[in-house]
Amino acid sequence: MLNNKGFDLWADGYDKTVGVSDEENSYPFAGYKEVLGRIFKTIMEKPKAVVLDIGFGTGTLTTKLYENGCTVYGQDFSARMIELASVKMPDAHLYQADFSEGLAEPLQQQNYDFIVATYSLHHLTDDQKVAFLKSLRKRLNPSGMILIGDVAFETRAQLEKCQQEVGNEWDDEEIYFVAEELRNAFPDLLFTPVSYCAGILTIT
């Protein structure tokens, strides 16, 4: 698993790395642009939405939201990622903190229309995911949504099938989402598959 220094080193080439994987329809980023596009479209249905992005990276999604009138808050543990994102979004409220330790204190003082996490929460264990998502849900405005775009599957069997097909490329250090298992904690969770290894989870 990459630590914050690892992500600092990867930051400048991150968007290119993701783009190549998406264009080749290869694990782990097959469907990446469509995942972000669908989340963007959902958020755009609410004018001037207040959005929190967890693990925003270089700001690929959040920059588009920012440019289209959203108030953007964000948390990432890479100083370099924040530096790159801040250039694109000078008035965004961006904080450096490790989300495995929870939400940064200033972000706990605010409520949000949307809380977004794209390709970030797979660094948490399943128990950590549940605890963190429950804490995030408390920060939603009425009718707010948590939107998670990531390597994700409806069932454990689908995950295992993908793992088998991918072979040595599979990252054993990342813990991917299985929608049917998360519904034990979030019965209203919706899962929308986007590619053979990615989808969007919605919690209201």
N, C-alpha and C. Protein backbone atom coordinates (compact mmCIF):
# COMPACT_ATOMS: atom_id res chain seq x y z
N MET A 1 0.85 -1.21 0.00
CA MET A 1 0.00 0.00 0.00
C MET A 1 0.88 1.24 0.00
N LEU A 2 0.54 2.21 -0.83
CA LEU A 2 1.30 3.45 -0.88
C LEU A 2 1.00 4.29 0.36
N ASN A 3 2.07 4.82 0.98
CA ASN A 3 1.85 5.78 2.07
C ASN A 3 1.80 7.18 1.47
N ASN A 4 1.74 8.20 2.35
CA ASN A 4 1.60 9.55 1.81
C ASN A 4 2.79 9.97 0.95
N LYS A 5 4.00 9.50 1.30
CA LYS A 5 5.17 9.83 0.48
C LYS A 5 5.08 9.13 -0.87
N GLY A 6 4.56 7.91 -0.88
CA GLY A 6 4.37 7.18 -2.13
C GLY A 6 3.43 7.92 -3.06
N PHE A 7 2.35 8.43 -2.51
CA PHE A 7 1.41 9.19 -3.34
C PHE A 7 2.01 10.53 -3.78
N ASP A 8 2.86 11.12 -2.93
CA ASP A 8 3.55 12.35 -3.34
C ASP A 8 4.38 12.09 -4.59
N LEU A 9 5.09 10.97 -4.62
CA LEU A 9 5.95 10.63 -5.75
C LEU A 9 5.14 10.31 -6.99
N TRP A 10 3.95 9.72 -6.79
CA TRP A 10 3.10 9.30 -7.91
C TRP A 10 2.25 10.45 -8.44
N ALA A 11 2.13 11.52 -7.66
CA ALA A 11 1.15 12.57 -7.94
C ALA A 11 1.25 13.12 -9.36
N ASP A 12 2.45 13.47 -9.80
CA ASP A 12 2.60 14.14 -11.09
C ASP A 12 2.23 13.24 -12.27
N GLY A 13 2.39 11.93 -12.12
CA GLY A 13 2.06 11.02 -13.21
C GLY A 13 0.76 10.28 -13.02
N TYR A 14 0.05 10.61 -11.94
CA TYR A 14 -1.15 9.83 -11.57
C TYR A 14 -2.22 9.86 -12.66
N ASP A 15 -2.57 11.05 -13.13
CA ASP A 15 -3.65 11.16 -14.12
C ASP A 15 -3.32 10.39 -15.39
N LYS A 16 -2.05 10.41 -15.80
CA LYS A 16 -1.64 9.69 -17.00
C LYS A 16 -1.75 8.18 -16.79
N THR A 17 -1.31 7.71 -15.62
CA THR A 17 -1.38 6.28 -15.30
C THR A 17 -2.81 5.79 -15.36
N VAL A 18 -3.70 6.55 -14.73
CA VAL A 18 -5.12 6.20 -14.71
C VAL A 18 -5.69 6.20 -16.12
N GLY A 19 -5.36 7.23 -16.90
CA GLY A 19 -5.90 7.36 -18.25
C GLY A 19 -5.54 6.19 -19.14
N VAL A 20 -4.30 5.73 -19.06
CA VAL A 20 -3.86 4.59 -19.88
C VAL A 20 -4.66 3.34 -19.52
N SER A 21 -4.81 3.08 -18.22
CA SER A 21 -5.55 1.90 -17.78
C SER A 21 -7.00 1.96 -18.22
N ASP A 22 -7.60 3.14 -18.13
CA ASP A 22 -9.00 3.31 -18.52
C ASP A 22 -9.16 3.08 -20.03
N GLU A 23 -8.29 3.70 -20.83
CA GLU A 23 -8.39 3.57 -22.28
C GLU A 23 -8.19 2.13 -22.76
N GLU A 24 -7.34 1.41 -22.05
CA GLU A 24 -7.08 0.01 -22.41
C GLU A 24 -8.13 -0.94 -21.81
N ASN A 25 -9.09 -0.35 -21.08
CA ASN A 25 -10.12 -1.15 -20.40
C ASN A 25 -9.50 -2.22 -19.51
N SER A 26 -8.43 -1.84 -18.83
CA SER A 26 -7.71 -2.80 -18.00
C SER A 26 -7.90 -2.48 -16.51
N TYR A 27 -7.82 -3.53 -15.70
CA TYR A 27 -7.84 -3.38 -14.25
C TYR A 27 -6.66 -2.52 -13.82
N PRO A 28 -6.78 -1.63 -12.84
CA PRO A 28 -7.96 -1.42 -12.01
C PRO A 28 -8.85 -0.25 -12.44
N PHE A 29 -8.44 0.49 -13.50
CA PHE A 29 -9.15 1.74 -13.81
C PHE A 29 -10.09 1.65 -15.01
N ALA A 30 -10.44 0.43 -15.43
CA ALA A 30 -11.44 0.30 -16.50
C ALA A 30 -12.75 0.95 -16.04
N GLY A 31 -13.26 1.88 -16.84
CA GLY A 31 -14.50 2.57 -16.49
C GLY A 31 -14.32 3.83 -15.67
N TYR A 32 -13.07 4.20 -15.41
CA TYR A 32 -12.77 5.34 -14.53
C TYR A 32 -13.48 6.63 -14.97
N LYS A 33 -13.33 6.99 -16.25
CA LYS A 33 -13.92 8.25 -16.72
C LYS A 33 -15.44 8.22 -16.64
N GLU A 34 -16.02 7.06 -16.93
CA GLU A 34 -17.48 6.96 -16.85
C GLU A 34 -17.96 7.05 -15.41
N VAL A 35 -17.22 6.43 -14.50
CA VAL A 35 -17.55 6.53 -13.07
C VAL A 35 -17.57 8.00 -12.64
N LEU A 36 -16.50 8.73 -12.96
CA LEU A 36 -16.43 10.14 -12.58
C LEU A 36 -17.51 10.95 -13.29
N GLY A 37 -17.75 10.64 -14.56
CA GLY A 37 -18.77 11.36 -15.32
C GLY A 37 -20.16 11.20 -14.74
N ARG A 38 -20.50 9.99 -14.35
CA ARG A 38 -21.83 9.75 -13.77
C ARG A 38 -21.99 10.45 -12.42
N ILE A 39 -20.94 10.42 -11.61
CA ILE A 39 -20.99 11.10 -10.31
C ILE A 39 -21.13 12.60 -10.53
N PHE A 40 -20.36 13.14 -11.46
CA PHE A 40 -20.45 14.57 -11.80
C PHE A 40 -21.88 14.94 -12.21
N LYS A 41 -22.47 14.14 -13.07
CA LYS A 41 -23.82 14.41 -13.57
C LYS A 41 -24.84 14.41 -12.43
N THR A 42 -24.70 13.46 -11.51
CA THR A 42 -25.61 13.39 -10.36
C THR A 42 -25.51 14.66 -9.51
N ILE A 43 -24.29 15.09 -9.24
CA ILE A 43 -24.08 16.27 -8.40
C ILE A 43 -24.59 17.54 -9.09
N MET A 44 -24.42 17.60 -10.40
CA MET A 44 -24.83 18.78 -11.15
C MET A 44 -26.35 18.99 -11.15
N GLU A 45 -27.10 17.96 -10.76
CA GLU A 45 -28.56 18.12 -10.70
C GLU A 45 -28.98 19.04 -9.56
N LYS A 46 -28.06 19.30 -8.60
CA LYS A 46 -28.35 20.23 -7.51
C LYS A 46 -27.51 21.48 -7.69
N PRO A 47 -28.12 22.62 -7.98
CA PRO A 47 -27.35 23.85 -8.19
C PRO A 47 -26.56 24.25 -6.94
N LYS A 48 -25.33 24.67 -7.16
CA LYS A 48 -24.45 25.19 -6.09
C LYS A 48 -24.33 24.21 -4.93
N ALA A 49 -24.14 22.94 -5.24
CA ALA A 49 -24.02 21.91 -4.20
C ALA A 49 -22.76 22.12 -3.37
N VAL A 50 -22.87 21.75 -2.10
CA VAL A 50 -21.71 21.73 -1.20
C VAL A 50 -21.19 20.28 -1.19
N VAL A 51 -19.93 20.11 -1.63
CA VAL A 51 -19.38 18.78 -1.86
C VAL A 51 -18.12 18.56 -1.03
N LEU A 52 -18.04 17.41 -0.40
CA LEU A 52 -16.82 16.97 0.28
C LEU A 52 -16.24 15.80 -0.51
N ASP A 53 -14.97 15.91 -0.90
CA ASP A 53 -14.29 14.84 -1.64
C ASP A 53 -13.22 14.23 -0.73
N ILE A 54 -13.36 12.93 -0.49
CA ILE A 54 -12.42 12.21 0.37
C ILE A 54 -11.36 11.55 -0.50
N GLY A 55 -10.10 11.94 -0.31
CA GLY A 55 -9.03 11.38 -1.14
C GLY A 55 -9.11 11.91 -2.55
N PHE A 56 -9.14 13.24 -2.69
CA PHE A 56 -9.43 13.86 -3.99
C PHE A 56 -8.26 13.80 -4.97
N GLY A 57 -7.07 13.43 -4.51
CA GLY A 57 -5.93 13.31 -5.42
C GLY A 57 -5.59 14.62 -6.09
N THR A 58 -5.42 14.60 -7.40
CA THR A 58 -5.04 15.82 -8.12
C THR A 58 -6.25 16.68 -8.45
N GLY A 59 -7.44 16.26 -8.02
CA GLY A 59 -8.64 17.07 -8.20
C GLY A 59 -9.33 16.89 -9.54
N THR A 60 -9.17 15.73 -10.16
CA THR A 60 -9.77 15.49 -11.48
C THR A 60 -11.27 15.75 -11.47
N LEU A 61 -11.97 15.16 -10.51
CA LEU A 61 -13.42 15.34 -10.41
C LEU A 61 -13.76 16.67 -9.74
N THR A 62 -13.12 16.94 -8.62
CA THR A 62 -13.48 18.13 -7.84
C THR A 62 -13.25 19.42 -8.61
N THR A 63 -12.25 19.45 -9.47
CA THR A 63 -12.01 20.65 -10.28
C THR A 63 -13.20 20.95 -11.18
N LYS A 64 -13.76 19.91 -11.79
CA LYS A 64 -14.95 20.11 -12.64
C LYS A 64 -16.13 20.62 -11.81
N LEU A 65 -16.29 20.07 -10.63
CA LEU A 65 -17.37 20.52 -9.74
C LEU A 65 -17.16 21.98 -9.34
N TYR A 66 -15.93 22.30 -8.98
CA TYR A 66 -15.53 23.65 -8.58
C TYR A 66 -15.82 24.65 -9.71
N GLU A 67 -15.44 24.25 -10.93
CA GLU A 67 -15.62 25.14 -12.08
C GLU A 67 -17.09 25.34 -12.44
N ASN A 68 -17.93 24.43 -11.96
CA ASN A 68 -19.36 24.51 -12.26
C ASN A 68 -20.20 24.97 -11.06
N GLY A 69 -19.56 25.69 -10.15
CA GLY A 69 -20.31 26.39 -9.11
C GLY A 69 -20.48 25.68 -7.78
N CYS A 70 -19.88 24.50 -7.62
CA CYS A 70 -19.98 23.82 -6.33
C CYS A 70 -19.02 24.44 -5.32
N THR A 71 -19.41 24.40 -4.06
CA THR A 71 -18.49 24.72 -2.98
C THR A 71 -17.77 23.44 -2.61
N VAL A 72 -16.45 23.44 -2.71
CA VAL A 72 -15.68 22.21 -2.58
C VAL A 72 -14.88 22.17 -1.28
N TYR A 73 -15.05 21.08 -0.57
CA TYR A 73 -14.22 20.73 0.58
C TYR A 73 -13.51 19.43 0.24
N GLY A 74 -12.32 19.22 0.81
CA GLY A 74 -11.63 17.98 0.48
C GLY A 74 -10.62 17.59 1.54
N GLN A 75 -10.33 16.28 1.57
CA GLN A 75 -9.32 15.74 2.48
C GLN A 75 -8.48 14.74 1.69
N ASP A 76 -7.15 14.89 1.81
CA ASP A 76 -6.22 13.96 1.18
C ASP A 76 -4.99 13.89 2.07
N PHE A 77 -4.29 12.75 2.05
CA PHE A 77 -3.12 12.69 2.93
C PHE A 77 -1.80 12.99 2.23
N SER A 78 -1.87 13.34 0.94
CA SER A 78 -0.66 13.67 0.20
C SER A 78 -0.52 15.18 0.03
N ALA A 79 0.56 15.73 0.58
CA ALA A 79 0.81 17.17 0.46
C ALA A 79 0.95 17.58 -1.00
N ARG A 80 1.58 16.72 -1.81
CA ARG A 80 1.79 17.05 -3.22
C ARG A 80 0.46 17.05 -3.99
N MET A 81 -0.42 16.09 -3.68
CA MET A 81 -1.74 16.07 -4.31
C MET A 81 -2.49 17.36 -3.99
N ILE A 82 -2.43 17.79 -2.73
CA ILE A 82 -3.11 19.02 -2.32
C ILE A 82 -2.52 20.23 -3.04
N GLU A 83 -1.21 20.23 -3.18
CA GLU A 83 -0.52 21.33 -3.88
C GLU A 83 -1.02 21.43 -5.32
N LEU A 84 -1.10 20.29 -6.00
CA LEU A 84 -1.56 20.27 -7.40
C LEU A 84 -3.03 20.68 -7.50
N ALA A 85 -3.85 20.18 -6.58
CA ALA A 85 -5.29 20.49 -6.61
C ALA A 85 -5.54 21.96 -6.28
N SER A 86 -4.75 22.52 -5.37
CA SER A 86 -4.96 23.91 -4.93
C SER A 86 -4.72 24.91 -6.06
N VAL A 87 -3.82 24.57 -6.98
CA VAL A 87 -3.57 25.44 -8.13
C VAL A 87 -4.83 25.53 -8.99
N LYS A 88 -5.53 24.40 -9.14
CA LYS A 88 -6.74 24.36 -9.96
C LYS A 88 -7.94 24.95 -9.23
N MET A 89 -7.93 24.88 -7.88
CA MET A 89 -9.10 25.30 -7.09
C MET A 89 -8.65 26.20 -5.93
N PRO A 90 -8.26 27.43 -6.24
CA PRO A 90 -7.68 28.29 -5.19
C PRO A 90 -8.62 28.59 -4.02
N ASP A 91 -9.94 28.55 -4.24
CA ASP A 91 -10.87 28.88 -3.16
C ASP A 91 -11.50 27.65 -2.50
N ALA A 92 -11.02 26.46 -2.86
CA ALA A 92 -11.54 25.24 -2.22
C ALA A 92 -10.96 25.11 -0.81
N HIS A 93 -11.65 24.36 0.02
CA HIS A 93 -11.25 24.16 1.42
C HIS A 93 -10.62 22.76 1.52
N LEU A 94 -9.30 22.70 1.37
CA LEU A 94 -8.60 21.41 1.28
C LEU A 94 -7.74 21.19 2.51
N TYR A 95 -7.82 19.98 3.06
CA TYR A 95 -7.11 19.66 4.30
C TYR A 95 -6.30 18.39 4.14
N GLN A 96 -5.09 18.40 4.72
CA GLN A 96 -4.25 17.21 4.69
C GLN A 96 -4.50 16.40 5.96
N ALA A 97 -4.95 15.17 5.79
CA ALA A 97 -5.18 14.27 6.92
C ALA A 97 -5.40 12.86 6.37
N ASP A 98 -5.10 11.89 7.18
CA ASP A 98 -5.26 10.48 6.81
C ASP A 98 -6.68 10.04 7.15
N PHE A 99 -7.48 9.69 6.13
CA PHE A 99 -8.88 9.36 6.42
C PHE A 99 -9.03 8.02 7.14
N SER A 100 -7.96 7.22 7.22
CA SER A 100 -8.04 6.00 8.04
C SER A 100 -8.16 6.36 9.52
N GLU A 101 -7.85 7.61 9.84
CA GLU A 101 -8.00 8.11 11.22
C GLU A 101 -9.24 8.99 11.35
N GLY A 102 -10.08 9.00 10.32
CA GLY A 102 -11.33 9.75 10.38
C GLY A 102 -11.25 11.06 9.61
N LEU A 103 -12.30 11.83 9.77
CA LEU A 103 -12.43 13.11 9.07
C LEU A 103 -11.63 14.19 9.79
N ALA A 104 -10.94 15.02 9.03
CA ALA A 104 -10.19 16.13 9.62
C ALA A 104 -11.14 17.01 10.43
N GLU A 105 -10.66 17.51 11.53
CA GLU A 105 -11.50 18.27 12.48
C GLU A 105 -12.30 19.40 11.82
N PRO A 106 -11.67 20.25 10.98
CA PRO A 106 -12.45 21.35 10.38
C PRO A 106 -13.61 20.84 9.52
N LEU A 107 -13.45 19.67 8.91
CA LEU A 107 -14.49 19.13 8.04
C LEU A 107 -15.65 18.54 8.83
N GLN A 108 -15.43 18.30 10.10
CA GLN A 108 -16.50 17.78 10.97
C GLN A 108 -17.47 18.89 11.38
N GLN A 109 -17.12 20.13 11.11
CA GLN A 109 -17.96 21.26 11.51
C GLN A 109 -18.94 21.66 10.41
N GLN A 110 -18.96 20.90 9.33
CA GLN A 110 -19.71 21.30 8.13
C GLN A 110 -20.64 20.16 7.70
N ASN A 111 -21.77 20.49 7.09
CA ASN A 111 -22.63 19.47 6.46
C ASN A 111 -22.56 19.62 4.95
N TYR A 112 -22.87 18.54 4.24
CA TYR A 112 -22.64 18.50 2.80
C TYR A 112 -23.85 17.94 2.06
N ASP A 113 -24.03 18.41 0.83
CA ASP A 113 -25.06 17.84 -0.04
C ASP A 113 -24.60 16.51 -0.62
N PHE A 114 -23.31 16.44 -0.92
CA PHE A 114 -22.72 15.21 -1.45
C PHE A 114 -21.36 14.97 -0.80
N ILE A 115 -21.11 13.73 -0.46
CA ILE A 115 -19.78 13.32 -0.03
C ILE A 115 -19.30 12.28 -1.04
N VAL A 116 -18.16 12.55 -1.64
CA VAL A 116 -17.66 11.75 -2.75
C VAL A 116 -16.35 11.09 -2.37
N ALA A 117 -16.17 9.85 -2.79
CA ALA A 117 -14.88 9.17 -2.65
C ALA A 117 -14.67 8.34 -3.91
N THR A 118 -13.68 8.72 -4.71
CA THR A 118 -13.40 7.96 -5.94
C THR A 118 -12.01 7.35 -5.86
N TYR A 119 -11.97 6.04 -5.91
CA TYR A 119 -10.72 5.27 -5.91
C TYR A 119 -9.83 5.65 -4.73
N SER A 120 -10.43 5.73 -3.54
CA SER A 120 -9.65 6.08 -2.35
C SER A 120 -9.93 5.14 -1.17
N LEU A 121 -11.20 4.81 -0.95
CA LEU A 121 -11.56 4.08 0.28
C LEU A 121 -11.16 2.61 0.26
N HIS A 122 -10.67 2.11 -0.88
CA HIS A 122 -10.23 0.71 -0.90
C HIS A 122 -8.95 0.51 -0.08
N HIS A 123 -8.41 1.58 0.47
CA HIS A 123 -7.26 1.45 1.36
C HIS A 123 -7.70 1.12 2.80
N LEU A 124 -9.00 1.18 3.07
CA LEU A 124 -9.53 0.85 4.39
C LEU A 124 -9.99 -0.60 4.45
N THR A 125 -9.90 -1.21 5.63
CA THR A 125 -10.48 -2.54 5.82
C THR A 125 -12.01 -2.41 5.74
N ASP A 126 -12.70 -3.53 5.61
CA ASP A 126 -14.17 -3.47 5.53
C ASP A 126 -14.76 -2.86 6.79
N ASP A 127 -14.22 -3.22 7.96
CA ASP A 127 -14.73 -2.64 9.22
C ASP A 127 -14.48 -1.14 9.28
N GLN A 128 -13.30 -0.71 8.82
CA GLN A 128 -12.99 0.72 8.79
C GLN A 128 -13.91 1.46 7.82
N LYS A 129 -14.20 0.83 6.68
CA LYS A 129 -15.12 1.45 5.72
C LYS A 129 -16.47 1.72 6.36
N VAL A 130 -17.02 0.70 7.03
CA VAL A 130 -18.35 0.83 7.64
C VAL A 130 -18.35 1.95 8.68
N ALA A 131 -17.35 1.94 9.57
CA ALA A 131 -17.29 2.96 10.62
C ALA A 131 -17.14 4.36 10.03
N PHE A 132 -16.28 4.50 9.01
CA PHE A 132 -16.05 5.81 8.40
C PHE A 132 -17.29 6.28 7.65
N LEU A 133 -17.91 5.39 6.90
CA LEU A 133 -19.10 5.78 6.14
C LEU A 133 -20.25 6.17 7.07
N LYS A 134 -20.38 5.50 8.19
CA LYS A 134 -21.41 5.87 9.17
C LYS A 134 -21.14 7.28 9.71
N SER A 135 -19.86 7.59 9.95
CA SER A 135 -19.53 8.94 10.45
C SER A 135 -19.78 9.98 9.36
N LEU A 136 -19.51 9.62 8.11
CA LEU A 136 -19.76 10.56 7.01
C LEU A 136 -21.25 10.80 6.81
N ARG A 137 -22.05 9.77 6.96
CA ARG A 137 -23.50 9.91 6.74
C ARG A 137 -24.10 10.93 7.70
N LYS A 138 -23.52 11.06 8.88
CA LYS A 138 -24.01 12.05 9.86
C LYS A 138 -23.75 13.48 9.39
N ARG A 139 -22.86 13.65 8.42
CA ARG A 139 -22.51 14.98 7.94
C ARG A 139 -23.30 15.37 6.68
N LEU A 140 -24.24 14.53 6.27
CA LEU A 140 -25.06 14.84 5.09
C LEU A 140 -26.20 15.79 5.44
N ASN A 141 -26.48 16.70 4.54
CA ASN A 141 -27.70 17.49 4.62
C ASN A 141 -28.89 16.59 4.31
N PRO A 142 -30.13 17.02 4.69
CA PRO A 142 -31.30 16.25 4.31
C PRO A 142 -31.31 16.00 2.79
N SER A 143 -31.61 14.79 2.41
CA SER A 143 -31.60 14.31 1.01
C SER A 143 -30.19 14.28 0.40
N GLY A 144 -29.17 14.37 1.25
CA GLY A 144 -27.79 14.28 0.76
C GLY A 144 -27.41 12.85 0.39
N MET A 145 -26.29 12.70 -0.29
CA MET A 145 -25.84 11.38 -0.76
C MET A 145 -24.34 11.22 -0.56
N ILE A 146 -23.94 9.98 -0.23
CA ILE A 146 -22.55 9.57 -0.34
C ILE A 146 -22.42 8.82 -1.66
N LEU A 147 -21.48 9.23 -2.50
CA LEU A 147 -21.25 8.60 -3.80
C LEU A 147 -19.83 8.06 -3.85
N ILE A 148 -19.70 6.75 -3.97
CA ILE A 148 -18.39 6.10 -3.97
C ILE A 148 -18.16 5.47 -5.34
N GLY A 149 -17.13 5.91 -6.03
CA GLY A 149 -16.74 5.29 -7.29
C GLY A 149 -15.43 4.56 -7.08
N ASP A 150 -15.39 3.27 -7.42
CA ASP A 150 -14.19 2.51 -7.08
C ASP A 150 -14.23 1.15 -7.77
N VAL A 151 -13.15 0.41 -7.59
CA VAL A 151 -13.19 -1.01 -7.94
C VAL A 151 -14.20 -1.64 -6.99
N ALA A 152 -15.27 -2.19 -7.55
CA ALA A 152 -16.39 -2.64 -6.71
C ALA A 152 -17.21 -3.68 -7.46
N PHE A 153 -17.88 -4.53 -6.67
CA PHE A 153 -18.63 -5.65 -7.22
C PHE A 153 -19.92 -5.81 -6.43
N GLU A 154 -20.93 -6.39 -7.07
CA GLU A 154 -22.18 -6.68 -6.36
C GLU A 154 -21.98 -7.84 -5.38
N THR A 155 -21.26 -8.88 -5.81
CA THR A 155 -21.11 -10.08 -4.97
C THR A 155 -19.63 -10.45 -4.80
N ARG A 156 -19.36 -11.23 -3.76
CA ARG A 156 -18.02 -11.74 -3.53
C ARG A 156 -17.58 -12.65 -4.69
N ALA A 157 -18.51 -13.40 -5.25
CA ALA A 157 -18.19 -14.29 -6.37
C ALA A 157 -17.70 -13.50 -7.58
N GLN A 158 -18.31 -12.34 -7.84
CA GLN A 158 -17.87 -11.50 -8.96
C GLN A 158 -16.47 -10.95 -8.72
N LEU A 159 -16.19 -10.56 -7.49
CA LEU A 159 -14.85 -10.09 -7.14
C LEU A 159 -13.82 -11.20 -7.39
N GLU A 160 -14.13 -12.40 -6.92
CA GLU A 160 -13.19 -13.52 -7.06
C GLU A 160 -12.97 -13.89 -8.52
N LYS A 161 -14.03 -13.78 -9.33
CA LYS A 161 -13.91 -14.06 -10.76
C LYS A 161 -12.96 -13.05 -11.41
N CYS A 162 -13.12 -11.77 -11.07
CA CYS A 162 -12.25 -10.73 -11.60
C CYS A 162 -10.80 -10.96 -11.14
N GLN A 163 -10.64 -11.30 -9.89
CA GLN A 163 -9.30 -11.55 -9.34
C GLN A 163 -8.61 -12.68 -10.11
N GLN A 164 -9.35 -13.72 -10.40
CA GLN A 164 -8.81 -14.85 -11.14
C GLN A 164 -8.41 -14.45 -12.56
N GLU A 165 -9.26 -13.66 -13.21
CA GLU A 165 -8.99 -13.23 -14.59
C GLU A 165 -7.80 -12.28 -14.67
N VAL A 166 -7.66 -11.42 -13.67
CA VAL A 166 -6.58 -10.43 -13.65
C VAL A 166 -5.23 -11.09 -13.33
N GLY A 167 -5.27 -12.12 -12.50
CA GLY A 167 -4.05 -12.86 -12.15
C GLY A 167 -3.07 -12.03 -11.35
N ASN A 168 -1.81 -12.01 -11.81
CA ASN A 168 -0.74 -11.35 -11.05
C ASN A 168 -0.89 -9.84 -10.96
N GLU A 169 -1.73 -9.26 -11.81
CA GLU A 169 -1.94 -7.81 -11.76
C GLU A 169 -2.76 -7.39 -10.54
N TRP A 170 -3.49 -8.32 -9.95
CA TRP A 170 -4.38 -8.02 -8.82
C TRP A 170 -3.58 -7.48 -7.64
N ASP A 171 -4.09 -6.43 -7.02
CA ASP A 171 -3.42 -5.81 -5.87
C ASP A 171 -4.01 -6.37 -4.58
N ASP A 172 -3.27 -7.26 -3.93
CA ASP A 172 -3.77 -7.90 -2.71
C ASP A 172 -3.82 -6.96 -1.52
N GLU A 173 -3.16 -5.81 -1.62
CA GLU A 173 -3.14 -4.88 -0.50
C GLU A 173 -4.36 -3.97 -0.48
N GLU A 174 -5.11 -3.95 -1.58
CA GLU A 174 -6.30 -3.11 -1.63
C GLU A 174 -7.53 -3.96 -1.33
N ILE A 175 -8.48 -3.36 -0.61
CA ILE A 175 -9.66 -4.10 -0.14
C ILE A 175 -10.87 -3.50 -0.84
N TYR A 176 -11.37 -4.21 -1.84
CA TYR A 176 -12.39 -3.65 -2.70
C TYR A 176 -13.79 -3.85 -2.14
N PHE A 177 -14.72 -3.06 -2.68
CA PHE A 177 -16.09 -3.04 -2.19
C PHE A 177 -16.89 -4.22 -2.73
N VAL A 178 -17.68 -4.83 -1.84
CA VAL A 178 -18.66 -5.84 -2.23
C VAL A 178 -20.01 -5.35 -1.71
N ALA A 179 -20.86 -4.93 -2.65
CA ALA A 179 -22.11 -4.25 -2.28
C ALA A 179 -22.99 -5.10 -1.36
N GLU A 180 -23.18 -6.38 -1.69
CA GLU A 180 -24.09 -7.21 -0.91
C GLU A 180 -23.63 -7.33 0.54
N GLU A 181 -22.33 -7.27 0.79
CA GLU A 181 -21.82 -7.36 2.16
C GLU A 181 -21.98 -6.03 2.90
N LEU A 182 -21.82 -4.92 2.18
CA LEU A 182 -21.98 -3.61 2.81
C LEU A 182 -23.44 -3.34 3.21
N ARG A 183 -24.36 -4.02 2.55
CA ARG A 183 -25.78 -3.80 2.87
C ARG A 183 -26.15 -4.30 4.27
N ASN A 184 -25.30 -5.08 4.89
CA ASN A 184 -25.54 -5.46 6.29
C ASN A 184 -25.55 -4.20 7.17
N ALA A 185 -24.69 -3.24 6.82
CA ALA A 185 -24.61 -1.99 7.58
C ALA A 185 -25.47 -0.89 6.95
N PHE A 186 -25.64 -0.95 5.62
CA PHE A 186 -26.37 0.09 4.89
C PHE A 186 -27.41 -0.58 3.98
N PRO A 187 -28.57 -0.95 4.54
CA PRO A 187 -29.58 -1.68 3.77
C PRO A 187 -30.06 -0.94 2.52
N ASP A 188 -29.97 0.40 2.54
CA ASP A 188 -30.48 1.17 1.39
C ASP A 188 -29.42 1.40 0.32
N LEU A 189 -28.24 0.80 0.47
CA LEU A 189 -27.15 1.02 -0.47
C LEU A 189 -27.52 0.56 -1.88
N LEU A 190 -27.24 1.41 -2.85
CA LEU A 190 -27.46 1.07 -4.26
C LEU A 190 -26.11 0.85 -4.93
N PHE A 191 -26.03 -0.13 -5.83
CA PHE A 191 -24.80 -0.36 -6.57
C PHE A 191 -25.08 -0.34 -8.06
N THR A 192 -24.33 0.49 -8.78
CA THR A 192 -24.47 0.59 -10.24
C THR A 192 -23.16 0.15 -10.88
N PRO A 193 -23.11 -1.03 -11.50
CA PRO A 193 -21.88 -1.45 -12.19
C PRO A 193 -21.60 -0.54 -13.38
N VAL A 194 -20.34 -0.23 -13.62
CA VAL A 194 -19.95 0.62 -14.75
C VAL A 194 -19.03 -0.15 -15.71
N SER A 195 -18.12 -0.95 -15.17
CA SER A 195 -17.26 -1.82 -15.99
C SER A 195 -17.17 -3.16 -15.27
N TYR A 196 -16.36 -4.07 -15.81
CA TYR A 196 -16.24 -5.40 -15.18
C TYR A 196 -15.57 -5.35 -13.82
N CYS A 197 -14.93 -4.20 -13.50
CA CYS A 197 -14.25 -4.12 -12.20
C CYS A 197 -14.55 -2.83 -11.45
N ALA A 198 -15.54 -2.06 -11.90
CA ALA A 198 -15.80 -0.77 -11.24
C ALA A 198 -17.29 -0.48 -11.21
N GLY A 199 -17.66 0.34 -10.25
CA GLY A 199 -19.05 0.74 -10.15
C GLY A 199 -19.20 1.89 -9.17
N ILE A 200 -20.46 2.31 -8.97
CA ILE A 200 -20.78 3.41 -8.07
C ILE A 200 -21.70 2.91 -6.98
N LEU A 201 -21.32 3.16 -5.75
CA LEU A 201 -22.16 2.85 -4.59
C LEU A 201 -22.77 4.14 -4.07
N THR A 202 -24.06 4.09 -3.80
CA THR A 202 -24.78 5.28 -3.33
C THR A 202 -25.40 4.99 -1.99
N ILE A 203 -25.13 5.85 -1.00
CA ILE A 203 -25.74 5.75 0.34
C ILE A 203 -26.42 7.07 0.62
N THR A 204 -27.70 7.01 1.03
CA THR A 204 -28.44 8.24 1.31
C THR A 204 -28.64 8.41 2.80
